[in-house]
Amino acid sequence: MYRGLAALSLAFGLVVNVPPAAALPASPPPPDPFLWLEQVQGPRALDWVRAEDKRSLAVLQSNPLYAGFDRQALSIAQASDRIPLPDLLGVQWGMPMPPHPDVPPQGARS
């Protein structure tokens, strides 16, 4: 019974000429509902960002750890004793690193 049904469906599929999906006319994609966010400085986008910031900040501030992390981050950002300044190292810019105890200084022979 099933063998006959499979043969019939195969024969029907061969007889009916169904074009492949690539041959069908392409329908236009649906419009992007967030296209207005592409205008980064647009008033609607900026209002949306402000609203999302307010919502996110409320979630963050509800965490009891937030106040301590906020104070710590602010003190790090305002510290004047650990400001990294770039140096020219040969032909590359790099950050000065404190000497490592296991690495001999440049020019030292072992």
PDB file of N, CA and C in Angstrom:
ATOM      1  N   MET A   1       0.825  -1.191   0.000  1.00  0.00           N
ATOM      2  CA  MET A   1       0.000   0.000   0.000  1.00  0.00           C
ATOM      3  C   MET A   1       0.872   1.259   0.000  1.00  0.00           C
ATOM      4  N   TYR A   2       1.821   1.317   0.970  1.00  0.00           N
ATOM      5  CA  TYR A   2       2.671   2.511   1.065  1.00  0.00           C
ATOM      6  C   TYR A   2       3.605   2.619  -0.136  1.00  0.00           C
ATOM      7  N   ARG A   3       4.026   1.447  -0.657  1.00  0.00           N
ATOM      8  CA  ARG A   3       4.930   1.459  -1.805  1.00  0.00           C
ATOM      9  C   ARG A   3       4.227   2.067  -3.014  1.00  0.00           C
ATOM     10  N   GLY A   4       2.982   1.743  -3.192  1.00  0.00           N
ATOM     11  CA  GLY A   4       2.215   2.285  -4.314  1.00  0.00           C
ATOM     12  C   GLY A   4       1.976   3.782  -4.149  1.00  0.00           C
ATOM     13  N   LEU A   5       1.729   4.199  -2.900  1.00  0.00           N
ATOM     14  CA  LEU A   5       1.514   5.617  -2.621  1.00  0.00           C
ATOM     15  C   LEU A   5       2.793   6.414  -2.874  1.00  0.00           C
ATOM     16  N   ALA A   6       3.941   5.842  -2.469  1.00  0.00           N
ATOM     17  CA  ALA A   6       5.223   6.522  -2.701  1.00  0.00           C
ATOM     18  C   ALA A   6       5.493   6.638  -4.191  1.00  0.00           C
ATOM     19  N   ALA A   7       5.203   5.581  -4.945  1.00  0.00           N
ATOM     20  CA  ALA A   7       5.434   5.619  -6.396  1.00  0.00           C
ATOM     21  C   ALA A   7       4.511   6.626  -7.055  1.00  0.00           C
ATOM     22  N   LEU A   8       3.265   6.694  -6.599  1.00  0.00           N
ATOM     23  CA  LEU A   8       2.326   7.645  -7.169  1.00  0.00           C
ATOM     24  C   LEU A   8       2.758   9.084  -6.884  1.00  0.00           C
ATOM     25  N   SER A   9       3.203   9.362  -5.657  1.00  0.00           N
ATOM     26  CA  SER A   9       3.626  10.721  -5.336  1.00  0.00           C
ATOM     27  C   SER A   9       4.889  11.103  -6.095  1.00  0.00           C
ATOM     28  N   LEU A  10       5.783  10.142  -6.293  1.00  0.00           N
ATOM     29  CA  LEU A  10       6.990  10.412  -7.076  1.00  0.00           C
ATOM     30  C   LEU A  10       6.628  10.705  -8.519  1.00  0.00           C
ATOM     31  N   ALA A  11       5.739   9.924  -9.090  1.00  0.00           N
ATOM     32  CA  ALA A  11       5.324  10.135 -10.477  1.00  0.00           C
ATOM     33  C   ALA A  11       4.624  11.478 -10.619  1.00  0.00           C
ATOM     34  N   PHE A  12       3.784  11.833  -9.659  1.00  0.00           N
ATOM     35  CA  PHE A  12       3.097  13.113  -9.711  1.00  0.00           C
ATOM     36  C   PHE A  12       4.095  14.264  -9.645  1.00  0.00           C
ATOM     37  N   GLY A  13       5.114  14.122  -8.797  1.00  0.00           N
ATOM     38  CA  GLY A  13       6.130  15.157  -8.681  1.00  0.00           C
ATOM     39  C   GLY A  13       6.937  15.316  -9.956  1.00  0.00           C
ATOM     40  N   LEU A  14       7.147  14.217 -10.692  1.00  0.00           N
ATOM     41  CA  LEU A  14       7.900  14.307 -11.944  1.00  0.00           C
ATOM     42  C   LEU A  14       7.061  14.889 -13.064  1.00  0.00           C
ATOM     43  N   VAL A  15       5.758  14.620 -13.029  1.00  0.00           N
ATOM     44  CA  VAL A  15       4.884  15.104 -14.094  1.00  0.00           C
ATOM     45  C   VAL A  15       4.603  16.592 -13.933  1.00  0.00           C
ATOM     46  N   VAL A  16       4.335  17.017 -12.703  1.00  0.00           N
ATOM     47  CA  VAL A  16       4.030  18.425 -12.469  1.00  0.00           C
ATOM     48  C   VAL A  16       5.348  19.183 -12.436  1.00  0.00           C
ATOM     49  N   ASN A  17       5.470  20.149 -13.285  1.00  0.00           N
ATOM     50  CA  ASN A  17       6.713  20.910 -13.379  1.00  0.00           C
ATOM     51  C   ASN A  17       6.643  22.079 -12.403  1.00  0.00           C
ATOM     52  N   VAL A  18       7.249  21.911 -11.224  1.00  0.00           N
ATOM     53  CA  VAL A  18       7.284  22.971 -10.226  1.00  0.00           C
ATOM     54  C   VAL A  18       8.619  23.686 -10.345  1.00  0.00           C
ATOM     55  N   PRO A  19       8.603  24.984 -10.593  1.00  0.00           N
ATOM     56  CA  PRO A  19       9.886  25.687 -10.724  1.00  0.00           C
ATOM     57  C   PRO A  19      10.599  25.742  -9.379  1.00  0.00           C
ATOM     58  N   PRO A  20      11.922  25.732  -9.410  1.00  0.00           N
ATOM     59  CA  PRO A  20      12.661  25.858  -8.154  1.00  0.00           C
ATOM     60  C   PRO A  20      12.398  27.223  -7.528  1.00  0.00           C
ATOM     61  N   ALA A  21      12.704  27.322  -6.242  1.00  0.00           N
ATOM     62  CA  ALA A  21      12.430  28.563  -5.509  1.00  0.00           C
ATOM     63  C   ALA A  21      13.165  29.758  -6.106  1.00  0.00           C
ATOM     64  N   ALA A  22      14.345  29.520  -6.666  1.00  0.00           N
ATOM     65  CA  ALA A  22      15.112  30.632  -7.248  1.00  0.00           C
ATOM     66  C   ALA A  22      14.430  31.194  -8.482  1.00  0.00           C
ATOM     67  N   ALA A  23      13.618  30.380  -9.167  1.00  0.00           N
ATOM     68  CA  ALA A  23      12.960  30.848 -10.381  1.00  0.00           C
ATOM     69  C   ALA A  23      11.686  31.629 -10.075  1.00  0.00           C
ATOM     70  N   LEU A  24      11.174  31.526  -8.872  1.00  0.00           N
ATOM     71  CA  LEU A  24       9.979  32.257  -8.509  1.00  0.00           C
ATOM     72  C   LEU A  24      10.305  33.739  -8.374  1.00  0.00           C
ATOM     73  N   PRO A  25       9.355  34.608  -8.694  1.00  0.00           N
ATOM     74  CA  PRO A  25       9.645  36.043  -8.531  1.00  0.00           C
ATOM     75  C   PRO A  25       9.843  36.367  -7.056  1.00  0.00           C
ATOM     76  N   ALA A  26      10.869  37.126  -6.781  1.00  0.00           N
ATOM     77  CA  ALA A  26      11.195  37.474  -5.398  1.00  0.00           C
ATOM     78  C   ALA A  26      10.244  38.557  -4.907  1.00  0.00           C
ATOM     79  N   SER A  27       9.703  38.329  -3.730  1.00  0.00           N
ATOM     80  CA  SER A  27       8.863  39.364  -3.143  1.00  0.00           C
ATOM     81  C   SER A  27       9.773  40.321  -2.380  1.00  0.00           C
ATOM     82  N   PRO A  28       9.418  41.578  -2.353  1.00  0.00           N
ATOM     83  CA  PRO A  28      10.273  42.533  -1.647  1.00  0.00           C
ATOM     84  C   PRO A  28      10.284  42.212  -0.154  1.00  0.00           C
ATOM     85  N   PRO A  29      11.423  42.442   0.497  1.00  0.00           N
ATOM     86  CA  PRO A  29      11.483  42.174   1.937  1.00  0.00           C
ATOM     87  C   PRO A  29      10.546  43.132   2.673  1.00  0.00           C
ATOM     88  N   PRO A  30      10.073  42.707   3.825  1.00  0.00           N
ATOM     89  CA  PRO A  30       9.199  43.614   4.586  1.00  0.00           C
ATOM     90  C   PRO A  30       9.980  44.845   5.028  1.00  0.00           C
ATOM     91  N   PRO A  31       9.315  45.962   5.184  1.00  0.00           N
ATOM     92  CA  PRO A  31      10.036  47.180   5.607  1.00  0.00           C
ATOM     93  C   PRO A  31      10.625  47.002   7.001  1.00  0.00           C
ATOM     94  N   ASP A  32      11.773  47.611   7.199  1.00  0.00           N
ATOM     95  CA  ASP A  32      12.476  47.534   8.481  1.00  0.00           C
ATOM     96  C   ASP A  32      11.783  48.438   9.491  1.00  0.00           C
ATOM     97  N   PRO A  33      11.237  47.855  10.583  1.00  0.00           N
ATOM     98  CA  PRO A  33      10.544  48.707  11.543  1.00  0.00           C
ATOM     99  C   PRO A  33      11.487  49.580  12.372  1.00  0.00           C
ATOM    100  N   PHE A  34      12.794  49.309  12.300  1.00  0.00           N
ATOM    101  CA  PHE A  34      13.756  50.078  13.086  1.00  0.00           C
ATOM    102  C   PHE A  34      14.644  50.958  12.209  1.00  0.00           C
ATOM    103  N   LEU A  35      14.182  51.251  11.018  1.00  0.00           N
ATOM    104  CA  LEU A  35      14.969  52.080  10.103  1.00  0.00           C
ATOM    105  C   LEU A  35      15.229  53.466  10.694  1.00  0.00           C
ATOM    106  N   TRP A  36      14.344  53.951  11.526  1.00  0.00           N
ATOM    107  CA  TRP A  36      14.512  55.270  12.136  1.00  0.00           C
ATOM    108  C   TRP A  36      15.722  55.320  13.055  1.00  0.00           C
ATOM    109  N   LEU A  37      16.213  54.160  13.526  1.00  0.00           N
ATOM    110  CA  LEU A  37      17.416  54.153  14.370  1.00  0.00           C
ATOM    111  C   LEU A  37      18.684  54.427  13.561  1.00  0.00           C
ATOM    112  N   GLU A  38      18.594  54.334  12.234  1.00  0.00           N
ATOM    113  CA  GLU A  38      19.756  54.632  11.390  1.00  0.00           C
ATOM    114  C   GLU A  38      20.130  56.110  11.481  1.00  0.00           C
ATOM    115  N   GLN A  39      19.172  56.955  11.781  1.00  0.00           N
ATOM    116  CA  GLN A  39      19.463  58.377  11.954  1.00  0.00           C
ATOM    117  C   GLN A  39      19.901  58.583  13.403  1.00  0.00           C
ATOM    118  N   VAL A  40      21.194  58.370  13.630  1.00  0.00           N
ATOM    119  CA  VAL A  40      21.741  58.311  14.981  1.00  0.00           C
ATOM    120  C   VAL A  40      21.486  59.600  15.749  1.00  0.00           C
ATOM    121  N   GLN A  41      21.560  60.732  15.111  1.00  0.00           N
ATOM    122  CA  GLN A  41      21.350  62.010  15.788  1.00  0.00           C
ATOM    123  C   GLN A  41      19.913  62.501  15.647  1.00  0.00           C
ATOM    124  N   GLY A  42      19.040  61.671  15.102  1.00  0.00           N
ATOM    125  CA  GLY A  42      17.648  62.072  14.946  1.00  0.00           C
ATOM    126  C   GLY A  42      16.941  62.164  16.292  1.00  0.00           C
ATOM    127  N   PRO A  43      15.943  63.022  16.413  1.00  0.00           N
ATOM    128  CA  PRO A  43      15.272  63.199  17.705  1.00  0.00           C
ATOM    129  C   PRO A  43      14.582  61.926  18.193  1.00  0.00           C
ATOM    130  N   ARG A  44      13.978  61.174  17.294  1.00  0.00           N
ATOM    131  CA  ARG A  44      13.294  59.943  17.714  1.00  0.00           C
ATOM    132  C   ARG A  44      14.291  58.928  18.260  1.00  0.00           C
ATOM    133  N   ALA A  45      15.429  58.765  17.573  1.00  0.00           N
ATOM    134  CA  ALA A  45      16.457  57.821  18.031  1.00  0.00           C
ATOM    135  C   ALA A  45      17.042  58.261  19.374  1.00  0.00           C
ATOM    136  N   LEU A  46      17.315  59.545  19.523  1.00  0.00           N
ATOM    137  CA  LEU A  46      17.878  60.036  20.781  1.00  0.00           C
ATOM    138  C   LEU A  46      16.891  59.893  21.934  1.00  0.00           C
ATOM    139  N   ASP A  47      15.607  60.124  21.675  1.00  0.00           N
ATOM    140  CA  ASP A  47      14.599  59.922  22.719  1.00  0.00           C
ATOM    141  C   ASP A  47      14.540  58.454  23.133  1.00  0.00           C
ATOM    142  N   TRP A  48      14.637  57.571  22.156  1.00  0.00           N
ATOM    143  CA  TRP A  48      14.622  56.136  22.454  1.00  0.00           C
ATOM    144  C   TRP A  48      15.830  55.739  23.299  1.00  0.00           C
ATOM    145  N   VAL A  49      17.004  56.268  22.951  1.00  0.00           N
ATOM    146  CA  VAL A  49      18.225  55.958  23.707  1.00  0.00           C
ATOM    147  C   VAL A  49      18.102  56.466  25.144  1.00  0.00           C
ATOM    148  N   ARG A  50      17.593  57.670  25.319  1.00  0.00           N
ATOM    149  CA  ARG A  50      17.424  58.213  26.676  1.00  0.00           C
ATOM    150  C   ARG A  50      16.471  57.340  27.499  1.00  0.00           C
ATOM    151  N   ALA A  51      15.384  56.901  26.883  1.00  0.00           N
ATOM    152  CA  ALA A  51      14.429  56.054  27.600  1.00  0.00           C
ATOM    153  C   ALA A  51      15.056  54.714  27.975  1.00  0.00           C
ATOM    154  N   GLU A  52      15.829  54.121  27.052  1.00  0.00           N
ATOM    155  CA  GLU A  52      16.493  52.847  27.349  1.00  0.00           C
ATOM    156  C   GLU A  52      17.565  53.026  28.421  1.00  0.00           C
ATOM    157  N   ASP A  53      18.291  54.147  28.381  1.00  0.00           N
ATOM    158  CA  ASP A  53      19.289  54.428  29.419  1.00  0.00           C
ATOM    159  C   ASP A  53      18.637  54.532  30.792  1.00  0.00           C
ATOM    160  N   LYS A  54      17.514  55.232  30.856  1.00  0.00           N
ATOM    161  CA  LYS A  54      16.807  55.403  32.126  1.00  0.00           C
ATOM    162  C   LYS A  54      16.345  54.043  32.651  1.00  0.00           C
ATOM    163  N   ARG A  55      15.818  53.220  31.751  1.00  0.00           N
ATOM    164  CA  ARG A  55      15.345  51.896  32.161  1.00  0.00           C
ATOM    165  C   ARG A  55      16.502  51.013  32.638  1.00  0.00           C
ATOM    166  N   SER A  56      17.613  51.040  31.921  1.00  0.00           N
ATOM    167  CA  SER A  56      18.783  50.230  32.293  1.00  0.00           C
ATOM    168  C   SER A  56      19.384  50.703  33.606  1.00  0.00           C
ATOM    169  N   LEU A  57      19.466  52.014  33.791  1.00  0.00           N
ATOM    170  CA  LEU A  57      20.034  52.554  35.025  1.00  0.00           C
ATOM    171  C   LEU A  57      19.188  52.163  36.231  1.00  0.00           C
ATOM    172  N   ALA A  58      17.878  52.137  36.071  1.00  0.00           N
ATOM    173  CA  ALA A  58      17.004  51.725  37.175  1.00  0.00           C
ATOM    174  C   ALA A  58      17.266  50.274  37.559  1.00  0.00           C
ATOM    175  N   VAL A  59      17.487  49.420  36.555  1.00  0.00           N
ATOM    176  CA  VAL A  59      17.784  48.007  36.845  1.00  0.00           C
ATOM    177  C   VAL A  59      19.134  47.894  37.545  1.00  0.00           C
ATOM    178  N   LEU A  60      20.134  48.616  37.059  1.00  0.00           N
ATOM    179  CA  LEU A  60      21.463  48.559  37.668  1.00  0.00           C
ATOM    180  C   LEU A  60      21.448  49.081  39.101  1.00  0.00           C
ATOM    181  N   GLN A  61      20.779  50.200  39.316  1.00  0.00           N
ATOM    182  CA  GLN A  61      20.769  50.797  40.645  1.00  0.00           C
ATOM    183  C   GLN A  61      19.970  49.982  41.652  1.00  0.00           C
ATOM    184  N   SER A  62      19.126  49.087  41.177  1.00  0.00           N
ATOM    185  CA  SER A  62      18.384  48.236  42.109  1.00  0.00           C
ATOM    186  C   SER A  62      19.268  47.129  42.688  1.00  0.00           C
ATOM    187  N   ASN A  63      20.437  46.903  42.105  1.00  0.00           N
ATOM    188  CA  ASN A  63      21.373  45.909  42.618  1.00  0.00           C
ATOM    189  C   ASN A  63      22.130  46.521  43.796  1.00  0.00           C
ATOM    190  N   PRO A  64      22.211  45.822  44.936  1.00  0.00           N
ATOM    191  CA  PRO A  64      22.905  46.401  46.100  1.00  0.00           C
ATOM    192  C   PRO A  64      24.404  46.623  45.881  1.00  0.00           C
ATOM    193  N   LEU A  65      24.996  45.965  44.911  1.00  0.00           N
ATOM    194  CA  LEU A  65      26.432  46.137  44.642  1.00  0.00           C
ATOM    195  C   LEU A  65      26.727  47.372  43.794  1.00  0.00           C
ATOM    196  N   TYR A  66      25.691  47.961  43.201  1.00  0.00           N
ATOM    197  CA  TYR A  66      25.899  49.051  42.253  1.00  0.00           C
ATOM    198  C   TYR A  66      26.619  50.244  42.873  1.00  0.00           C
ATOM    199  N   ALA A  67      26.194  50.671  44.031  1.00  0.00           N
ATOM    200  CA  ALA A  67      26.771  51.886  44.638  1.00  0.00           C
ATOM    201  C   ALA A  67      28.271  51.725  44.861  1.00  0.00           C
ATOM    202  N   GLY A  68      28.707  50.574  45.349  1.00  0.00           N
ATOM    203  CA  GLY A  68      30.139  50.349  45.569  1.00  0.00           C
ATOM    204  C   GLY A  68      30.918  50.317  44.270  1.00  0.00           C
ATOM    205  N   PHE A  69      30.355  49.623  43.261  1.00  0.00           N
ATOM    206  CA  PHE A  69      31.031  49.569  41.960  1.00  0.00           C
ATOM    207  C   PHE A  69      31.108  50.948  41.332  1.00  0.00           C
ATOM    208  N   ASP A  70      30.057  51.743  41.488  1.00  0.00           N
ATOM    209  CA  ASP A  70      30.033  53.082  40.913  1.00  0.00           C
ATOM    210  C   ASP A  70      31.108  53.963  41.548  1.00  0.00           C
ATOM    211  N   ARG A  71      31.202  53.926  42.881  1.00  0.00           N
ATOM    212  CA  ARG A  71      32.243  54.706  43.572  1.00  0.00           C
ATOM    213  C   ARG A  71      33.636  54.257  43.148  1.00  0.00           C
ATOM    214  N   GLN A  72      33.840  52.947  43.057  1.00  0.00           N
ATOM    215  CA  GLN A  72      35.157  52.420  42.688  1.00  0.00           C
ATOM    216  C   GLN A  72      35.527  52.826  41.263  1.00  0.00           C
ATOM    217  N   ALA A  73      34.596  52.718  40.340  1.00  0.00           N
ATOM    218  CA  ALA A  73      34.871  53.093  38.947  1.00  0.00           C
ATOM    219  C   ALA A  73      35.166  54.585  38.835  1.00  0.00           C
ATOM    220  N   LEU A  74      34.437  55.394  39.584  1.00  0.00           N
ATOM    221  CA  LEU A  74      34.676  56.838  39.545  1.00  0.00           C
ATOM    222  C   LEU A  74      36.046  57.187  40.107  1.00  0.00           C
ATOM    223  N   SER A  75      36.450  56.526  41.187  1.00  0.00           N
ATOM    224  CA  SER A  75      37.771  56.827  41.754  1.00  0.00           C
ATOM    225  C   SER A  75      38.885  56.381  40.804  1.00  0.00           C
ATOM    226  N   ILE A  76      38.693  55.297  40.108  1.00  0.00           N
ATOM    227  CA  ILE A  76      39.701  54.853  39.128  1.00  0.00           C
ATOM    228  C   ILE A  76      39.769  55.839  37.970  1.00  0.00           C
ATOM    229  N   ALA A  77      38.614  56.275  37.494  1.00  0.00           N
ATOM    230  CA  ALA A  77      38.588  57.197  36.351  1.00  0.00           C
ATOM    231  C   ALA A  77      39.177  58.550  36.695  1.00  0.00           C
ATOM    232  N   GLN A  78      39.055  58.975  37.959  1.00  0.00           N
ATOM    233  CA  GLN A  78      39.555  60.286  38.365  1.00  0.00           C
ATOM    234  C   GLN A  78      40.957  60.250  38.961  1.00  0.00           C
ATOM    235  N   ALA A  79      41.557  59.066  39.057  1.00  0.00           N
ATOM    236  CA  ALA A  79      42.894  58.953  39.651  1.00  0.00           C
ATOM    237  C   ALA A  79      43.917  59.653  38.766  1.00  0.00           C
ATOM    238  N   SER A  80      44.806  60.407  39.371  1.00  0.00           N
ATOM    239  CA  SER A  80      45.839  61.095  38.593  1.00  0.00           C
ATOM    240  C   SER A  80      47.191  60.406  38.718  1.00  0.00           C
ATOM    241  N   ASP A  81      47.278  59.375  39.544  1.00  0.00           N
ATOM    242  CA  ASP A  81      48.571  58.738  39.754  1.00  0.00           C
ATOM    243  C   ASP A  81      48.822  57.555  38.819  1.00  0.00           C
ATOM    244  N   ARG A  82      47.836  57.109  38.081  1.00  0.00           N
ATOM    245  CA  ARG A  82      48.013  55.930  37.231  1.00  0.00           C
ATOM    246  C   ARG A  82      47.519  56.185  35.815  1.00  0.00           C
ATOM    247  N   ILE A  83      47.811  57.340  35.278  1.00  0.00           N
ATOM    248  CA  ILE A  83      47.384  57.654  33.924  1.00  0.00           C
ATOM    249  C   ILE A  83      48.432  57.105  32.956  1.00  0.00           C
ATOM    250  N   PRO A  84      48.056  56.140  32.102  1.00  0.00           N
ATOM    251  CA  PRO A  84      49.037  55.601  31.155  1.00  0.00           C
ATOM    252  C   PRO A  84      49.275  56.590  30.016  1.00  0.00           C
ATOM    253  N   LEU A  85      50.511  56.840  29.744  1.00  0.00           N
ATOM    254  CA  LEU A  85      50.877  57.709  28.641  1.00  0.00           C
ATOM    255  C   LEU A  85      51.631  56.884  27.616  1.00  0.00           C
ATOM    256  N   PRO A  86      51.307  57.018  26.358  1.00  0.00           N
ATOM    257  CA  PRO A  86      51.983  56.210  25.338  1.00  0.00           C
ATOM    258  C   PRO A  86      53.422  56.667  25.128  1.00  0.00           C
ATOM    259  N   ASP A  87      54.264  55.731  24.766  1.00  0.00           N
ATOM    260  CA  ASP A  87      55.659  55.999  24.427  1.00  0.00           C
ATOM    261  C   ASP A  87      55.921  55.460  23.030  1.00  0.00           C
ATOM    262  N   LEU A  88      56.893  56.050  22.358  1.00  0.00           N
ATOM    263  CA  LEU A  88      57.294  55.554  21.060  1.00  0.00           C
ATOM    264  C   LEU A  88      58.364  54.492  21.283  1.00  0.00           C
ATOM    265  N   LEU A  89      58.030  53.243  20.935  1.00  0.00           N
ATOM    266  CA  LEU A  89      58.962  52.124  21.098  1.00  0.00           C
ATOM    267  C   LEU A  89      59.421  51.697  19.714  1.00  0.00           C
ATOM    268  N   GLY A  90      60.567  52.174  19.293  1.00  0.00           N
ATOM    269  CA  GLY A  90      61.019  51.871  17.931  1.00  0.00           C
ATOM    270  C   GLY A  90      60.098  52.566  16.953  1.00  0.00           C
ATOM    271  N   VAL A  91      59.359  51.793  16.193  1.00  0.00           N
ATOM    272  CA  VAL A  91      58.416  52.379  15.243  1.00  0.00           C
ATOM    273  C   VAL A  91      56.970  52.155  15.684  1.00  0.00           C
ATOM    274  N   GLN A  92      56.767  51.655  16.902  1.00  0.00           N
ATOM    275  CA  GLN A  92      55.418  51.385  17.381  1.00  0.00           C
ATOM    276  C   GLN A  92      55.130  52.202  18.634  1.00  0.00           C
ATOM    277  N   TRP A  93      53.874  52.582  18.747  1.00  0.00           N
ATOM    278  CA  TRP A  93      53.429  53.219  19.977  1.00  0.00           C
ATOM    279  C   TRP A  93      53.030  52.133  20.949  1.00  0.00           C
ATOM    280  N   GLY A  94      53.382  52.287  22.211  1.00  0.00           N
ATOM    281  CA  GLY A  94      53.022  51.294  23.202  1.00  0.00           C
ATOM    282  C   GLY A  94      52.881  51.943  24.564  1.00  0.00           C
ATOM    283  N   MET A  95      52.333  51.199  25.488  1.00  0.00           N
ATOM    284  CA  MET A  95      52.180  51.683  26.855  1.00  0.00           C
ATOM    285  C   MET A  95      53.373  51.227  27.682  1.00  0.00           C
ATOM    286  N   PRO A  96      53.915  52.093  28.509  1.00  0.00           N
ATOM    287  CA  PRO A  96      55.045  51.670  29.337  1.00  0.00           C
ATOM    288  C   PRO A  96      54.578  50.633  30.352  1.00  0.00           C
ATOM    289  N   MET A  97      55.364  49.611  30.509  1.00  0.00           N
ATOM    290  CA  MET A  97      55.051  48.541  31.443  1.00  0.00           C
ATOM    291  C   MET A  97      56.123  48.493  32.513  1.00  0.00           C
ATOM    292  N   PRO A  98      55.749  48.189  33.738  1.00  0.00           N
ATOM    293  CA  PRO A  98      56.772  48.047  34.776  1.00  0.00           C
ATOM    294  C   PRO A  98      57.649  46.840  34.468  1.00  0.00           C
ATOM    295  N   PRO A  99      58.908  46.873  34.868  1.00  0.00           N
ATOM    296  CA  PRO A  99      59.790  45.742  34.553  1.00  0.00           C
ATOM    297  C   PRO A  99      59.311  44.474  35.248  1.00  0.00           C
ATOM    298  N   HIS A 100      59.405  43.374  34.529  1.00  0.00           N
ATOM    299  CA  HIS A 100      59.026  42.077  35.084  1.00  0.00           C
ATOM    300  C   HIS A 100      60.255  41.474  35.752  1.00  0.00           C
ATOM    301  N   PRO A 101      60.120  40.886  36.947  1.00  0.00           N
ATOM    302  CA  PRO A 101      61.304  40.381  37.660  1.00  0.00           C
ATOM    303  C   PRO A 101      62.004  39.231  36.936  1.00  0.00           C
ATOM    304  N   ASP A 102      61.319  38.501  36.074  1.00  0.00           N
ATOM    305  CA  ASP A 102      61.930  37.355  35.396  1.00  0.00           C
ATOM    306  C   ASP A 102      62.544  37.708  34.048  1.00  0.00           C
ATOM    307  N   VAL A 103      62.363  38.947  33.599  1.00  0.00           N
ATOM    308  CA  VAL A 103      62.873  39.340  32.291  1.00  0.00           C
ATOM    309  C   VAL A 103      64.005  40.331  32.490  1.00  0.00           C
ATOM    310  N   PRO A 104      65.203  40.019  31.949  1.00  0.00           N
ATOM    311  CA  PRO A 104      66.314  40.971  32.107  1.00  0.00           C
ATOM    312  C   PRO A 104      66.061  42.223  31.306  1.00  0.00           C
ATOM    313  N   PRO A 105      66.586  43.362  31.730  1.00  0.00           N
ATOM    314  CA  PRO A 105      66.399  44.595  30.968  1.00  0.00           C
ATOM    315  C   PRO A 105      67.046  44.461  29.593  1.00  0.00           C
ATOM    316  N   GLN A 106      66.540  45.258  28.650  1.00  0.00           N
ATOM    317  CA  GLN A 106      67.108  45.217  27.295  1.00  0.00           C
ATOM    318  C   GLN A 106      68.574  45.625  27.337  1.00  0.00           C
ATOM    319  N   GLY A 107      69.358  44.910  26.576  1.00  0.00           N
ATOM    320  CA  GLY A 107      70.787  45.187  26.509  1.00  0.00           C
ATOM    321  C   GLY A 107      71.576  44.388  27.517  1.00  0.00           C
ATOM    322  N   ALA A 108      70.929  43.780  28.490  1.00  0.00           N
ATOM    323  CA  ALA A 108      71.646  42.971  29.485  1.00  0.00           C
ATOM    324  C   ALA A 108      71.938  41.596  28.893  1.00  0.00           C
ATOM    325  N   ARG A 109      73.141  41.101  29.141  1.00  0.00           N
ATOM    326  CA  ARG A 109      73.504  39.778  28.636  1.00  0.00           C
ATOM    327  C   ARG A 109      73.398  38.781  29.760  1.00  0.00           C
ATOM    328  N   SER A 110      72.935  37.606  29.372  1.00  0.00           N
ATOM    329  CA  SER A 110      72.803  36.571  30.403  1.00  0.00           C
ATOM    330  C   SER A 110      73.950  35.594  30.362  1.00  0.00           C
TER     331      SER A 110
END
